[in-house]
Amino acid sequence: MKTCTAICHVAFEDLDLLEPVLRRRGFQIRVIDAPLGGVDAVDPLADDLLVVLGGPIGVYDHGDFPFLTDEIELVRRRLDADRPTLGLCLGAQIMAAALGARVFANPNGKEIGWSSLSLTPEAATSPLALLGAAPVLHWHGDTFDLPHGAVRLASTPQTLNQAFAIGQCGLALQFHVEASTMGLERWYVGHVGEISATDGVSVAALRAAAHTQGAIMQRIGPTMFEAWLDQVCA
């Protein structure tokens, strides 16, 4: 049986739409709670797939959250071995840090809400091509430099590096393809402080967009993920 370890930082940012895809493909899924020290139990090379999920902290917060140091090292060892690795939001930032890139607060401010990506020419031959002009969910205040050897796949006007590929098996997405309309209801509660502190963002507006634009991603996100798995976990 194939195995997937998902590293979770807050309970409500989980695999969501990606979990049924993995179950259908016969993956045994283990969820690791990073803040409780679960990263120490992960062999960086053992699993067929590693998914590093999102969260409201920054990779530079290792003084407050020491587990981040171990997590970045875990991801570095896995990427060095070119083992299938997917990073989502904070997970993408952890991948960038593991590859030696700078991760920092986005000088253009937070990007929260639904909008389309500008795909690079390199993305035309990647699974991201399936996203097309569909709106994706952005929920981040940090960004990163493109790591050495990585291939940029997507941008937005506010965030140059929205996605990159590294090697044959590494994919980092600053945006979210895993969040369902129902699952986002937990995000609105968990992120209520950030929402209320961000100009132009409200629970009502995010919910309304999720029921229209998010409904599109509920169909396309899993399809894109399936296509990536076909490439790296055949």
C-alpha atoms as a PDB file:
ATOM      1  CA  MET A   1       0.000   0.000   0.000  1.00  0.00           C
ATOM      2  CA  LYS A   2       1.247   3.482  -0.845  1.00  0.00           C
ATOM      3  CA  THR A   3       1.698   5.881   2.072  1.00  0.00           C
ATOM      4  CA  CYS A   4       1.194   9.620   2.446  1.00  0.00           C
ATOM      5  CA  THR A   5       2.204  11.711   5.412  1.00  0.00           C
ATOM      6  CA  ALA A   6       0.483  15.094   5.737  1.00  0.00           C
ATOM      7  CA  ILE A   7       2.104  17.634   8.066  1.00  0.00           C
ATOM      8  CA  CYS A   8      -0.604  19.747   9.692  1.00  0.00           C
ATOM      9  CA  HIS A   9      -0.039  23.037  11.557  1.00  0.00           C
ATOM     10  CA  VAL A  10      -3.625  23.935  12.495  1.00  0.00           C
ATOM     11  CA  ALA A  11      -6.430  21.382  12.489  1.00  0.00           C
ATOM     12  CA  PHE A  12      -8.770  23.272  10.176  1.00  0.00           C
ATOM     13  CA  GLU A  13      -6.199  23.548   7.357  1.00  0.00           C
ATOM     14  CA  ASP A  14      -6.250  19.891   6.387  1.00  0.00           C
ATOM     15  CA  LEU A  15      -6.165  17.804   3.194  1.00  0.00           C
ATOM     16  CA  ASP A  16      -9.883  18.448   2.603  1.00  0.00           C
ATOM     17  CA  LEU A  17     -10.517  17.979  -1.140  1.00  0.00           C
ATOM     18  CA  LEU A  18      -7.259  16.094  -1.611  1.00  0.00           C
ATOM     19  CA  GLU A  19      -8.048  13.342   0.879  1.00  0.00           C
ATOM     20  CA  PRO A  20     -10.683  11.555  -1.265  1.00  0.00           C
ATOM     21  CA  VAL A  21      -8.265  11.622  -4.206  1.00  0.00           C
ATOM     22  CA  LEU A  22      -5.598   9.909  -2.132  1.00  0.00           C
ATOM     23  CA  ARG A  23      -8.063   7.368  -0.723  1.00  0.00           C
ATOM     24  CA  ARG A  24      -9.257   6.428  -4.227  1.00  0.00           C
ATOM     25  CA  ARG A  25      -5.659   5.875  -5.298  1.00  0.00           C
ATOM     26  CA  GLY A  26      -5.011   3.511  -2.404  1.00  0.00           C
ATOM     27  CA  PHE A  27      -2.913   5.726  -0.165  1.00  0.00           C
ATOM     28  CA  GLN A  28      -2.718   5.073   3.545  1.00  0.00           C
ATOM     29  CA  ILE A  29      -2.745   8.556   5.099  1.00  0.00           C
ATOM     30  CA  ARG A  30      -1.004   9.595   8.283  1.00  0.00           C
ATOM     31  CA  VAL A  31      -1.563  13.122   9.621  1.00  0.00           C
ATOM     32  CA  ILE A  32       1.239  14.579  11.717  1.00  0.00           C
ATOM     33  CA  ASP A  33       0.546  17.383  14.211  1.00  0.00           C
ATOM     34  CA  ALA A  34       3.675  19.515  13.808  1.00  0.00           C
ATOM     35  CA  PRO A  35       3.190  21.775  16.873  1.00  0.00           C
ATOM     36  CA  LEU A  36       3.032  18.706  19.139  1.00  0.00           C
ATOM     37  CA  GLY A  37       6.374  17.396  17.924  1.00  0.00           C
ATOM     38  CA  GLY A  38       5.070  14.975  15.338  1.00  0.00           C
ATOM     39  CA  VAL A  39       7.712  15.967  12.792  1.00  0.00           C
ATOM     40  CA  ASP A  40      10.314  14.041  14.788  1.00  0.00           C
ATOM     41  CA  ALA A  41       8.504  10.795  13.933  1.00  0.00           C
ATOM     42  CA  VAL A  42       8.696  11.300  10.153  1.00  0.00           C
ATOM     43  CA  ASP A  43      11.318   9.492   8.084  1.00  0.00           C
ATOM     44  CA  PRO A  44      11.998  11.980   5.267  1.00  0.00           C
ATOM     45  CA  LEU A  45      12.452   9.258   2.648  1.00  0.00           C
ATOM     46  CA  ALA A  46       9.991   6.561   3.723  1.00  0.00           C
ATOM     47  CA  ASP A  47       6.632   7.768   2.376  1.00  0.00           C
ATOM     48  CA  ASP A  48       5.499   7.704  -1.213  1.00  0.00           C
ATOM     49  CA  LEU A  49       4.152  11.237  -0.757  1.00  0.00           C
ATOM     50  CA  LEU A  50       4.672  14.086   1.696  1.00  0.00           C
ATOM     51  CA  VAL A  51       2.151  16.935   1.841  1.00  0.00           C
ATOM     52  CA  VAL A  52       3.057  20.007   3.896  1.00  0.00           C
ATOM     53  CA  LEU A  53      -0.102  21.966   4.690  1.00  0.00           C
ATOM     54  CA  GLY A  54      -0.766  25.620   5.495  1.00  0.00           C
ATOM     55  CA  GLY A  55      -0.932  27.638   8.680  1.00  0.00           C
ATOM     56  CA  PRO A  56      -0.923  31.195  10.025  1.00  0.00           C
ATOM     57  CA  ILE A  57       2.757  31.328  11.060  1.00  0.00           C
ATOM     58  CA  GLY A  58       5.905  32.214   9.131  1.00  0.00           C
ATOM     59  CA  VAL A  59       8.971  30.066   8.554  1.00  0.00           C
ATOM     60  CA  TYR A  60      10.999  32.784  10.285  1.00  0.00           C
ATOM     61  CA  ASP A  61       8.978  32.257  13.507  1.00  0.00           C
ATOM     62  CA  HIS A  62      11.206  29.377  14.608  1.00  0.00           C
ATOM     63  CA  GLY A  63      12.065  31.236  17.825  1.00  0.00           C
ATOM     64  CA  ASP A  64       8.455  30.875  18.946  1.00  0.00           C
ATOM     65  CA  PHE A  65       7.867  27.584  17.142  1.00  0.00           C
ATOM     66  CA  PRO A  66      11.070  25.511  17.276  1.00  0.00           C
ATOM     67  CA  PHE A  67       9.501  22.605  15.371  1.00  0.00           C
ATOM     68  CA  LEU A  68       9.861  24.672  12.202  1.00  0.00           C
ATOM     69  CA  THR A  69      13.629  24.126  12.210  1.00  0.00           C
ATOM     70  CA  ASP A  70      13.180  20.353  12.201  1.00  0.00           C
ATOM     71  CA  GLU A  71      10.404  20.561   9.630  1.00  0.00           C
ATOM     72  CA  ILE A  72      12.502  22.592   7.206  1.00  0.00           C
ATOM     73  CA  GLU A  73      15.350  20.094   7.578  1.00  0.00           C
ATOM     74  CA  LEU A  74      12.949  17.203   6.975  1.00  0.00           C
ATOM     75  CA  VAL A  75      11.701  18.810   3.780  1.00  0.00           C
ATOM     76  CA  ARG A  76      15.249  19.663   2.670  1.00  0.00           C
ATOM     77  CA  ARG A  77      16.313  16.022   2.962  1.00  0.00           C
ATOM     78  CA  ARG A  78      13.254  14.870   1.050  1.00  0.00           C
ATOM     79  CA  LEU A  79      13.742  17.394  -1.759  1.00  0.00           C
ATOM     80  CA  ASP A  80      17.429  16.509  -1.986  1.00  0.00           C
ATOM     81  CA  ALA A  81      16.314  12.942  -2.677  1.00  0.00           C
ATOM     82  CA  ASP A  82      13.686  14.161  -5.208  1.00  0.00           C
ATOM     83  CA  ARG A  83      10.870  12.335  -3.421  1.00  0.00           C
ATOM     84  CA  PRO A  84       7.262  13.397  -4.186  1.00  0.00           C
ATOM     85  CA  THR A  85       6.530  16.473  -2.089  1.00  0.00           C
ATOM     86  CA  LEU A  86       3.640  18.944  -2.226  1.00  0.00           C
ATOM     87  CA  GLY A  87       3.663  22.196  -0.270  1.00  0.00           C
ATOM     88  CA  LEU A  88       0.553  24.350   0.174  1.00  0.00           C
ATOM     89  CA  CYS A  89       0.869  27.977   1.342  1.00  0.00           C
ATOM     90  CA  LEU A  90       3.035  27.692   4.484  1.00  0.00           C
ATOM     91  CA  GLY A  91       4.118  24.353   3.055  1.00  0.00           C
ATOM     92  CA  ALA A  92       5.343  26.088  -0.110  1.00  0.00           C
ATOM     93  CA  GLN A  93       7.224  28.608   2.017  1.00  0.00           C
ATOM     94  CA  ILE A  94       8.819  25.765   3.988  1.00  0.00           C
ATOM     95  CA  MET A  95       9.906  24.188   0.707  1.00  0.00           C
ATOM     96  CA  ALA A  96      11.426  27.489  -0.413  1.00  0.00           C
ATOM     97  CA  ALA A  97      13.285  27.854   2.890  1.00  0.00           C
ATOM     98  CA  ALA A  98      14.491  24.262   2.674  1.00  0.00           C
ATOM     99  CA  LEU A  99      15.999  25.105  -0.708  1.00  0.00           C
ATOM    100  CA  GLY A 100      17.824  28.121   0.716  1.00  0.00           C
ATOM    101  CA  ALA A 101      15.488  30.852  -0.539  1.00  0.00           C
ATOM    102  CA  ARG A 102      14.473  33.911   1.468  1.00  0.00           C
ATOM    103  CA  VAL A 103      10.941  33.923   2.919  1.00  0.00           C
ATOM    104  CA  PHE A 104       9.583  37.302   4.012  1.00  0.00           C
ATOM    105  CA  ALA A 105       6.481  39.436   4.507  1.00  0.00           C
ATOM    106  CA  ASN A 106       5.009  40.379   1.141  1.00  0.00           C
ATOM    107  CA  PRO A 107       5.755  44.093   0.616  1.00  0.00           C
ATOM    108  CA  ASN A 108       2.515  44.316  -1.387  1.00  0.00           C
ATOM    109  CA  GLY A 109       0.488  43.284   1.652  1.00  0.00           C
ATOM    110  CA  LYS A 110      -1.709  40.306   2.374  1.00  0.00           C
ATOM    111  CA  GLU A 111      -3.462  38.507  -0.443  1.00  0.00           C
ATOM    112  CA  ILE A 112      -6.740  37.040   0.795  1.00  0.00           C
ATOM    113  CA  GLY A 113      -9.540  36.068  -1.550  1.00  0.00           C
ATOM    114  CA  TRP A 114     -10.215  34.495  -4.934  1.00  0.00           C
ATOM    115  CA  SER A 115      -8.451  35.451  -8.156  1.00  0.00           C
ATOM    116  CA  SER A 116      -6.907  33.855 -11.217  1.00  0.00           C
ATOM    117  CA  LEU A 117      -3.254  33.093 -11.778  1.00  0.00           C
ATOM    118  CA  SER A 118      -0.956  34.126 -14.582  1.00  0.00           C
ATOM    119  CA  LEU A 119       0.624  30.857 -15.649  1.00  0.00           C
ATOM    120  CA  THR A 120       4.143  30.861 -17.039  1.00  0.00           C
ATOM    121  CA  PRO A 121       5.020  29.147 -20.348  1.00  0.00           C
ATOM    122  CA  GLU A 122       6.595  26.341 -18.317  1.00  0.00           C
ATOM    123  CA  ALA A 123       3.232  25.686 -16.658  1.00  0.00           C
ATOM    124  CA  ALA A 124       1.721  24.782 -20.030  1.00  0.00           C
ATOM    125  CA  THR A 125       3.263  21.317 -19.754  1.00  0.00           C
ATOM    126  CA  SER A 126       2.559  20.907 -16.053  1.00  0.00           C
ATOM    127  CA  PRO A 127      -0.611  19.881 -14.199  1.00  0.00           C
ATOM    128  CA  LEU A 128      -1.195  23.567 -13.389  1.00  0.00           C
ATOM    129  CA  ALA A 129      -2.308  24.019 -16.996  1.00  0.00           C
ATOM    130  CA  LEU A 130      -5.583  22.405 -15.916  1.00  0.00           C
ATOM    131  CA  LEU A 131      -6.303  25.429 -13.706  1.00  0.00           C
ATOM    132  CA  GLY A 132      -6.477  27.735 -16.714  1.00  0.00           C
ATOM    133  CA  ALA A 133      -8.118  31.018 -15.765  1.00  0.00           C
ATOM    134  CA  ALA A 134     -10.102  29.515 -12.891  1.00  0.00           C
ATOM    135  CA  PRO A 135      -9.968  31.547  -9.662  1.00  0.00           C
ATOM    136  CA  VAL A 136      -7.943  30.037  -6.835  1.00  0.00           C
ATOM    137  CA  LEU A 137      -7.957  30.848  -3.132  1.00  0.00           C
ATOM    138  CA  HIS A 138      -5.190  33.086  -1.828  1.00  0.00           C
ATOM    139  CA  TRP A 139      -4.657  33.400   1.917  1.00  0.00           C
ATOM    140  CA  HIS A 140      -1.138  34.538   2.688  1.00  0.00           C
ATOM    141  CA  GLY A 141       0.876  37.495   3.885  1.00  0.00           C
ATOM    142  CA  ASP A 142       4.335  36.079   3.192  1.00  0.00           C
ATOM    143  CA  THR A 143       6.172  35.374  -0.025  1.00  0.00           C
ATOM    144  CA  PHE A 144       9.554  34.015  -1.059  1.00  0.00           C
ATOM    145  CA  ASP A 145      12.323  34.345  -3.600  1.00  0.00           C
ATOM    146  CA  LEU A 146      12.387  31.697  -6.301  1.00  0.00           C
ATOM    147  CA  PRO A 147      14.767  28.981  -5.069  1.00  0.00           C
ATOM    148  CA  HIS A 148      17.872  28.185  -7.105  1.00  0.00           C
ATOM    149  CA  GLY A 149      17.053  25.493  -9.641  1.00  0.00           C
ATOM    150  CA  ALA A 150      13.298  25.892  -9.291  1.00  0.00           C
ATOM    151  CA  VAL A 151      10.938  26.649 -12.172  1.00  0.00           C
ATOM    152  CA  ARG A 152       8.340  29.378 -11.645  1.00  0.00           C
ATOM    153  CA  LEU A 153       4.884  28.205 -12.711  1.00  0.00           C
ATOM    154  CA  ALA A 154       2.487  30.993 -11.710  1.00  0.00           C
ATOM    155  CA  SER A 155       2.221  34.587 -10.514  1.00  0.00           C
ATOM    156  CA  THR A 156      -0.349  37.211  -9.568  1.00  0.00           C
ATOM    157  CA  PRO A 157       0.110  41.014  -9.697  1.00  0.00           C
ATOM    158  CA  GLN A 158       0.596  41.008  -5.931  1.00  0.00           C
ATOM    159  CA  THR A 159       2.800  37.931  -5.619  1.00  0.00           C
ATOM    160  CA  LEU A 160       5.460  37.055  -8.185  1.00  0.00           C
ATOM    161  CA  ASN A 161       6.149  33.516  -6.974  1.00  0.00           C
ATOM    162  CA  GLN A 162       2.826  31.732  -6.638  1.00  0.00           C
ATOM    163  CA  ALA A 163       4.042  28.279  -7.602  1.00  0.00           C
ATOM    164  CA  PHE A 164       7.230  26.472  -8.480  1.00  0.00           C
ATOM    165  CA  ALA A 165       8.439  23.025  -9.412  1.00  0.00           C
ATOM    166  CA  ILE A 166      11.735  21.603  -8.210  1.00  0.00           C
ATOM    167  CA  GLY A 167      13.273  18.468  -9.656  1.00  0.00           C
ATOM    168  CA  GLN A 168      10.876  15.874 -10.998  1.00  0.00           C
ATOM    169  CA  CYS A 169       8.777  15.467  -7.857  1.00  0.00           C
ATOM    170  CA  GLY A 170       8.518  18.758  -5.920  1.00  0.00           C
ATOM    171  CA  LEU A 171       5.559  21.123  -6.297  1.00  0.00           C
ATOM    172  CA  ALA A 172       5.045  24.246  -4.172  1.00  0.00           C
ATOM    173  CA  LEU A 173       1.756  26.176  -4.345  1.00  0.00           C
ATOM    174  CA  GLN A 174       1.403  29.451  -2.481  1.00  0.00           C
ATOM    175  CA  PHE A 175      -2.343  29.318  -3.143  1.00  0.00           C
ATOM    176  CA  HIS A 176      -4.921  26.704  -2.094  1.00  0.00           C
ATOM    177  CA  VAL A 177      -6.430  24.007  -4.298  1.00  0.00           C
ATOM    178  CA  GLU A 178      -7.470  21.820  -1.372  1.00  0.00           C
ATOM    179  CA  ALA A 179     -10.076  23.952   0.405  1.00  0.00           C
ATOM    180  CA  SER A 180     -13.748  23.055  -0.071  1.00  0.00           C
ATOM    181  CA  THR A 181     -16.631  25.471   0.352  1.00  0.00           C
ATOM    182  CA  MET A 182     -17.739  23.619   3.473  1.00  0.00           C
ATOM    183  CA  GLY A 183     -14.231  23.278   4.857  1.00  0.00           C
ATOM    184  CA  LEU A 184     -13.697  27.019   4.574  1.00  0.00           C
ATOM    185  CA  GLU A 185     -16.374  27.574   7.180  1.00  0.00           C
ATOM    186  CA  ARG A 186     -13.789  26.437   9.749  1.00  0.00           C
ATOM    187  CA  TRP A 187     -11.201  28.805   8.255  1.00  0.00           C
ATOM    188  CA  TYR A 188     -13.524  31.784   8.809  1.00  0.00           C
ATOM    189  CA  VAL A 189     -13.649  30.924  12.498  1.00  0.00           C
ATOM    190  CA  GLY A 190      -9.968  30.094  12.861  1.00  0.00           C
ATOM    191  CA  HIS A 191      -8.808  33.185  10.962  1.00  0.00           C
ATOM    192  CA  VAL A 192     -11.466  35.608  12.247  1.00  0.00           C
ATOM    193  CA  GLY A 193      -8.845  37.858  13.860  1.00  0.00           C
ATOM    194  CA  GLU A 194      -6.853  38.164  10.643  1.00  0.00           C
ATOM    195  CA  ILE A 195     -10.010  38.724   8.594  1.00  0.00           C
ATOM    196  CA  SER A 196     -11.244  41.535  10.833  1.00  0.00           C
ATOM    197  CA  ALA A 197      -7.798  43.166  10.812  1.00  0.00           C
ATOM    198  CA  THR A 198      -7.451  43.156   7.009  1.00  0.00           C
ATOM    199  CA  ASP A 199      -9.000  46.031   5.074  1.00  0.00           C
ATOM    200  CA  GLY A 200     -11.408  45.008   2.352  1.00  0.00           C
ATOM    201  CA  VAL A 201     -11.810  41.444   3.643  1.00  0.00           C
ATOM    202  CA  SER A 202     -14.876  40.083   5.428  1.00  0.00           C
ATOM    203  CA  VAL A 203     -16.356  36.704   6.229  1.00  0.00           C
ATOM    204  CA  ALA A 204     -19.466  37.554   4.227  1.00  0.00           C
ATOM    205  CA  ALA A 205     -17.488  38.439   1.098  1.00  0.00           C
ATOM    206  CA  LEU A 206     -15.224  35.404   1.378  1.00  0.00           C
ATOM    207  CA  ARG A 207     -18.211  33.104   1.852  1.00  0.00           C
ATOM    208  CA  ALA A 208     -20.063  34.569  -1.130  1.00  0.00           C
ATOM    209  CA  ALA A 209     -17.000  34.146  -3.356  1.00  0.00           C
ATOM    210  CA  ALA A 210     -16.479  30.588  -2.139  1.00  0.00           C
ATOM    211  CA  HIS A 211     -20.013  29.648  -3.202  1.00  0.00           C
ATOM    212  CA  THR A 212     -19.374  30.859  -6.758  1.00  0.00           C
ATOM    213  CA  GLN A 213     -15.665  30.903  -7.584  1.00  0.00           C
ATOM    214  CA  GLY A 214     -14.821  28.256  -4.998  1.00  0.00           C
ATOM    215  CA  ALA A 215     -17.330  25.877  -6.531  1.00  0.00           C
ATOM    216  CA  ILE A 216     -15.236  25.881  -9.705  1.00  0.00           C
ATOM    217  CA  MET A 217     -12.075  24.989  -7.781  1.00  0.00           C
ATOM    218  CA  GLN A 218     -13.862  22.109  -6.058  1.00  0.00           C
ATOM    219  CA  ARG A 219     -14.009  20.457  -9.495  1.00  0.00           C
ATOM    220  CA  ILE A 220     -10.672  21.549 -10.919  1.00  0.00           C
ATOM    221  CA  GLY A 221      -8.410  21.333  -7.852  1.00  0.00           C
ATOM    222  CA  PRO A 222      -8.713  17.558  -7.385  1.00  0.00           C
ATOM    223  CA  THR A 223      -8.289  17.051 -11.143  1.00  0.00           C
ATOM    224  CA  MET A 224      -5.041  19.021 -11.115  1.00  0.00           C
ATOM    225  CA  PHE A 225      -3.851  17.039  -8.096  1.00  0.00           C
ATOM    226  CA  GLU A 226      -4.710  13.765  -9.843  1.00  0.00           C
ATOM    227  CA  ALA A 227      -2.651  14.820 -12.866  1.00  0.00           C
ATOM    228  CA  TRP A 228       0.327  15.669 -10.657  1.00  0.00           C
ATOM    229  CA  LEU A 229       0.068  12.312  -8.862  1.00  0.00           C
ATOM    230  CA  ASP A 230       0.046  10.586 -12.261  1.00  0.00           C
ATOM    231  CA  GLN A 231       3.446  12.168 -12.904  1.00  0.00           C
ATOM    232  CA  VAL A 232       5.131  11.560  -9.572  1.00  0.00           C
ATOM    233  CA  CYS A 233       3.392   8.600  -7.914  1.00  0.00           C
ATOM    234  CA  ALA A 234       2.457   6.388 -10.839  1.00  0.00           C
END
